[in-house]
């Protein structure tokens, strides 16, 4: 396991207090959300298909489709899907 030291604002430190024993889970969830957000941004720009966005984010096509819909997008199937 790797140890990482970061500096965070006091307000965030206070909010994280009750979750000290779950920081690894919080990081995993946050990283997953960032990956989905970035992949969806590429999809919105037309740079990649929704299928590739799912692969880029490391989630299933179904999960990426549900995420896109939750962000107000309507998934349009293409030839690749």
N, C-alpha and C. Protein backbone atom coordinates (compact mmCIF):
# COMPACT_ATOMS: atom_id res chain seq x y z
N UNK A 1 0.85 -1.18 0.00
CA UNK A 1 0.00 0.00 0.00
C UNK A 1 0.89 1.23 0.00
N UNK A 2 0.48 2.25 -0.72
CA UNK A 2 1.23 3.50 -0.82
C UNK A 2 0.66 4.52 0.15
N UNK A 3 1.53 5.29 0.76
CA UNK A 3 1.11 6.38 1.63
C UNK A 3 1.22 7.68 0.86
N UNK A 4 0.16 8.48 0.91
CA UNK A 4 0.13 9.77 0.22
C UNK A 4 -0.22 10.84 1.24
N UNK A 5 0.51 11.93 1.20
CA UNK A 5 0.23 13.05 2.09
C UNK A 5 -0.27 14.21 1.24
N UNK A 6 -1.42 14.77 1.61
CA UNK A 6 -1.97 15.91 0.88
C UNK A 6 -2.34 17.01 1.87
N UNK A 7 -2.35 18.23 1.36
CA UNK A 7 -2.78 19.37 2.16
C UNK A 7 -4.17 19.75 1.68
N UNK A 8 -5.11 19.83 2.62
CA UNK A 8 -6.49 20.17 2.26
C UNK A 8 -6.96 21.34 3.13
N UNK A 9 -7.95 22.07 2.64
CA UNK A 9 -8.48 23.17 3.44
C UNK A 9 -9.08 22.66 4.75
N UNK A 10 -9.03 23.50 5.77
CA UNK A 10 -9.54 23.14 7.09
C UNK A 10 -11.01 22.71 7.03
N UNK A 11 -11.80 23.41 6.24
CA UNK A 11 -13.23 23.08 6.12
C UNK A 11 -13.43 21.66 5.60
N UNK A 12 -12.64 21.28 4.60
CA UNK A 12 -12.74 19.92 4.07
C UNK A 12 -12.27 18.90 5.09
N UNK A 13 -11.23 19.23 5.81
CA UNK A 13 -10.73 18.35 6.86
C UNK A 13 -11.81 18.08 7.91
N UNK A 14 -12.53 19.12 8.28
CA UNK A 14 -13.62 18.97 9.25
C UNK A 14 -14.72 18.06 8.70
N UNK A 15 -15.05 18.23 7.43
CA UNK A 15 -16.10 17.40 6.82
C UNK A 15 -15.67 15.95 6.71
N UNK A 16 -14.38 15.72 6.51
CA UNK A 16 -13.88 14.35 6.37
C UNK A 16 -13.74 13.63 7.71
N UNK A 17 -13.75 14.37 8.79
CA UNK A 17 -13.56 13.80 10.12
C UNK A 17 -14.31 12.51 10.37
N UNK A 18 -15.62 12.49 10.18
CA UNK A 18 -16.38 11.27 10.47
C UNK A 18 -16.07 10.10 9.53
N UNK A 19 -15.37 10.38 8.44
CA UNK A 19 -15.10 9.36 7.43
C UNK A 19 -13.63 8.93 7.39
N UNK A 20 -12.88 9.24 8.44
CA UNK A 20 -11.44 8.94 8.47
C UNK A 20 -11.13 7.49 8.13
N UNK A 21 -11.96 6.58 8.57
CA UNK A 21 -11.69 5.16 8.30
C UNK A 21 -12.17 4.72 6.93
N UNK A 22 -12.75 5.63 6.15
CA UNK A 22 -13.29 5.30 4.82
C UNK A 22 -12.67 6.15 3.72
N UNK A 23 -11.53 6.77 3.97
CA UNK A 23 -10.93 7.67 3.00
C UNK A 23 -10.58 6.97 1.69
N UNK A 24 -10.15 5.72 1.75
CA UNK A 24 -9.84 5.00 0.52
C UNK A 24 -11.09 4.82 -0.34
N UNK A 25 -12.21 4.54 0.30
CA UNK A 25 -13.48 4.39 -0.42
C UNK A 25 -13.91 5.74 -1.02
N UNK A 26 -13.75 6.81 -0.25
CA UNK A 26 -14.09 8.14 -0.77
C UNK A 26 -13.25 8.49 -2.00
N UNK A 27 -11.97 8.16 -1.96
CA UNK A 27 -11.10 8.41 -3.11
C UNK A 27 -11.51 7.59 -4.32
N UNK A 28 -11.86 6.34 -4.11
CA UNK A 28 -12.30 5.49 -5.22
C UNK A 28 -13.57 6.04 -5.85
N UNK A 29 -14.52 6.44 -5.01
CA UNK A 29 -15.78 7.00 -5.52
C UNK A 29 -15.51 8.31 -6.27
N UNK A 30 -14.70 9.15 -5.68
CA UNK A 30 -14.38 10.43 -6.31
C UNK A 30 -13.66 10.25 -7.63
N UNK A 31 -12.71 9.33 -7.69
CA UNK A 31 -11.98 9.06 -8.91
C UNK A 31 -12.91 8.52 -9.99
N UNK A 32 -13.81 7.65 -9.60
CA UNK A 32 -14.77 7.10 -10.55
C UNK A 32 -15.65 8.22 -11.13
N UNK A 33 -16.09 9.12 -10.28
CA UNK A 33 -16.93 10.24 -10.74
C UNK A 33 -16.16 11.17 -11.67
N UNK A 34 -14.91 11.44 -11.35
CA UNK A 34 -14.08 12.30 -12.21
C UNK A 34 -13.89 11.65 -13.57
N UNK A 35 -13.60 10.35 -13.58
CA UNK A 35 -13.42 9.64 -14.85
C UNK A 35 -14.69 9.69 -15.69
N UNK A 36 -15.84 9.47 -15.06
CA UNK A 36 -17.11 9.51 -15.81
C UNK A 36 -17.38 10.91 -16.33
N UNK A 37 -17.12 11.91 -15.51
CA UNK A 37 -17.34 13.30 -15.92
C UNK A 37 -16.46 13.66 -17.11
N UNK A 38 -15.19 13.30 -17.05
CA UNK A 38 -14.27 13.61 -18.14
C UNK A 38 -14.65 12.86 -19.41
N UNK A 39 -15.00 11.60 -19.28
CA UNK A 39 -15.39 10.80 -20.45
C UNK A 39 -16.67 11.36 -21.06
N UNK A 40 -17.61 11.76 -20.23
CA UNK A 40 -18.85 12.32 -20.74
C UNK A 40 -18.60 13.65 -21.45
N UNK A 41 -17.66 14.42 -20.97
CA UNK A 41 -17.30 15.68 -21.63
C UNK A 41 -16.75 15.40 -23.03
N UNK A 42 -15.93 14.37 -23.16
CA UNK A 42 -15.41 14.00 -24.49
C UNK A 42 -16.54 13.55 -25.40
N UNK A 43 -17.49 12.82 -24.85
CA UNK A 43 -18.66 12.38 -25.62
C UNK A 43 -19.48 13.58 -26.08
N UNK A 44 -19.72 14.53 -25.18
CA UNK A 44 -20.51 15.72 -25.53
C UNK A 44 -19.86 16.51 -26.66
N UNK A 45 -18.53 16.56 -26.67
CA UNK A 45 -17.80 17.29 -27.72
C UNK A 45 -17.81 16.54 -29.04
N UNK A 46 -18.24 15.29 -28.99
CA UNK A 46 -18.24 14.48 -30.20
C UNK A 46 -16.91 13.82 -30.49
N UNK A 47 -16.00 13.85 -29.52
CA UNK A 47 -14.67 13.26 -29.72
C UNK A 47 -14.68 11.74 -29.66
N UNK A 48 -15.60 11.18 -28.87
CA UNK A 48 -15.68 9.73 -28.72
C UNK A 48 -17.14 9.31 -28.62
N UNK A 49 -17.37 8.04 -28.89
CA UNK A 49 -18.72 7.49 -28.74
C UNK A 49 -19.02 7.25 -27.26
N UNK A 50 -20.26 7.00 -26.96
CA UNK A 50 -20.62 6.70 -25.58
C UNK A 50 -19.99 5.38 -25.14
N UNK A 51 -19.87 4.47 -26.08
CA UNK A 51 -19.22 3.19 -25.78
C UNK A 51 -17.76 3.42 -25.37
N UNK A 52 -17.05 4.25 -26.12
CA UNK A 52 -15.66 4.55 -25.78
C UNK A 52 -15.57 5.36 -24.50
N UNK A 53 -16.55 6.20 -24.26
CA UNK A 53 -16.57 6.97 -23.01
C UNK A 53 -16.66 6.01 -21.82
N UNK A 54 -17.48 4.99 -21.95
CA UNK A 54 -17.61 3.99 -20.89
C UNK A 54 -16.28 3.29 -20.66
N UNK A 55 -15.62 2.90 -21.73
CA UNK A 55 -14.31 2.24 -21.61
C UNK A 55 -13.30 3.17 -20.98
N UNK A 56 -13.32 4.44 -21.40
CA UNK A 56 -12.39 5.44 -20.86
C UNK A 56 -12.60 5.62 -19.34
N UNK A 57 -13.86 5.58 -18.92
CA UNK A 57 -14.20 5.77 -17.51
C UNK A 57 -14.05 4.48 -16.70
N UNK A 58 -13.90 3.36 -17.38
CA UNK A 58 -13.76 2.08 -16.68
C UNK A 58 -15.06 1.55 -16.11
N UNK A 59 -16.17 1.88 -16.78
CA UNK A 59 -17.48 1.40 -16.34
C UNK A 59 -18.16 0.69 -17.51
N UNK A 60 -19.24 0.00 -17.21
CA UNK A 60 -19.99 -0.68 -18.26
C UNK A 60 -20.71 0.35 -19.13
N UNK A 61 -21.08 -0.07 -20.32
CA UNK A 61 -21.84 0.80 -21.22
C UNK A 61 -23.15 1.21 -20.56
N UNK A 62 -23.78 0.25 -19.91
CA UNK A 62 -25.06 0.54 -19.23
C UNK A 62 -24.88 1.60 -18.15
N UNK A 63 -23.83 1.47 -17.34
CA UNK A 63 -23.59 2.46 -16.28
C UNK A 63 -23.31 3.84 -16.88
N UNK A 64 -22.54 3.86 -17.98
CA UNK A 64 -22.24 5.15 -18.61
C UNK A 64 -23.50 5.77 -19.20
N UNK A 65 -24.35 4.94 -19.78
CA UNK A 65 -25.62 5.44 -20.33
C UNK A 65 -26.48 6.02 -19.22
N UNK A 66 -26.57 5.31 -18.10
CA UNK A 66 -27.36 5.80 -16.97
C UNK A 66 -26.78 7.10 -16.43
N UNK A 67 -25.45 7.18 -16.39
CA UNK A 67 -24.80 8.40 -15.92
C UNK A 67 -25.10 9.56 -16.88
N UNK A 68 -25.01 9.30 -18.17
CA UNK A 68 -25.29 10.34 -19.17
C UNK A 68 -26.72 10.85 -19.02
N UNK A 69 -27.66 9.94 -18.85
CA UNK A 69 -29.06 10.33 -18.67
C UNK A 69 -29.22 11.13 -17.38
N UNK A 70 -28.53 10.72 -16.32
CA UNK A 70 -28.64 11.45 -15.05
C UNK A 70 -28.06 12.86 -15.16
N UNK A 71 -27.19 13.07 -16.16
CA UNK A 71 -26.60 14.39 -16.39
C UNK A 71 -27.38 15.18 -17.45
N UNK A 72 -28.55 14.67 -17.81
CA UNK A 72 -29.42 15.39 -18.74
C UNK A 72 -29.21 15.07 -20.20
N UNK A 73 -28.40 14.08 -20.50
CA UNK A 73 -28.19 13.70 -21.90
C UNK A 73 -29.06 12.52 -22.27
N UNK A 74 -29.41 12.49 -23.53
CA UNK A 74 -30.14 11.35 -24.03
C UNK A 74 -29.18 10.55 -24.90
N UNK A 75 -28.96 9.32 -24.54
CA UNK A 75 -28.01 8.49 -25.27
C UNK A 75 -28.58 8.15 -26.64
N UNK A 76 -27.77 8.41 -27.65
CA UNK A 76 -28.16 8.10 -29.02
C UNK A 76 -27.24 6.98 -29.52
N UNK A 77 -27.82 5.83 -29.83
CA UNK A 77 -26.98 4.72 -30.31
C UNK A 77 -26.28 5.10 -31.63
N UNK A 78 -25.08 4.62 -31.79
CA UNK A 78 -24.37 4.82 -33.05
C UNK A 78 -24.00 3.47 -33.63
N UNK A 79 -23.30 3.47 -34.76
CA UNK A 79 -22.95 2.21 -35.41
C UNK A 79 -22.13 1.31 -34.51
N UNK A 80 -21.25 1.91 -33.70
CA UNK A 80 -20.36 1.12 -32.85
C UNK A 80 -21.12 0.37 -31.77
N UNK A 81 -22.19 0.98 -31.25
CA UNK A 81 -22.95 0.34 -30.19
C UNK A 81 -23.98 -0.61 -30.76
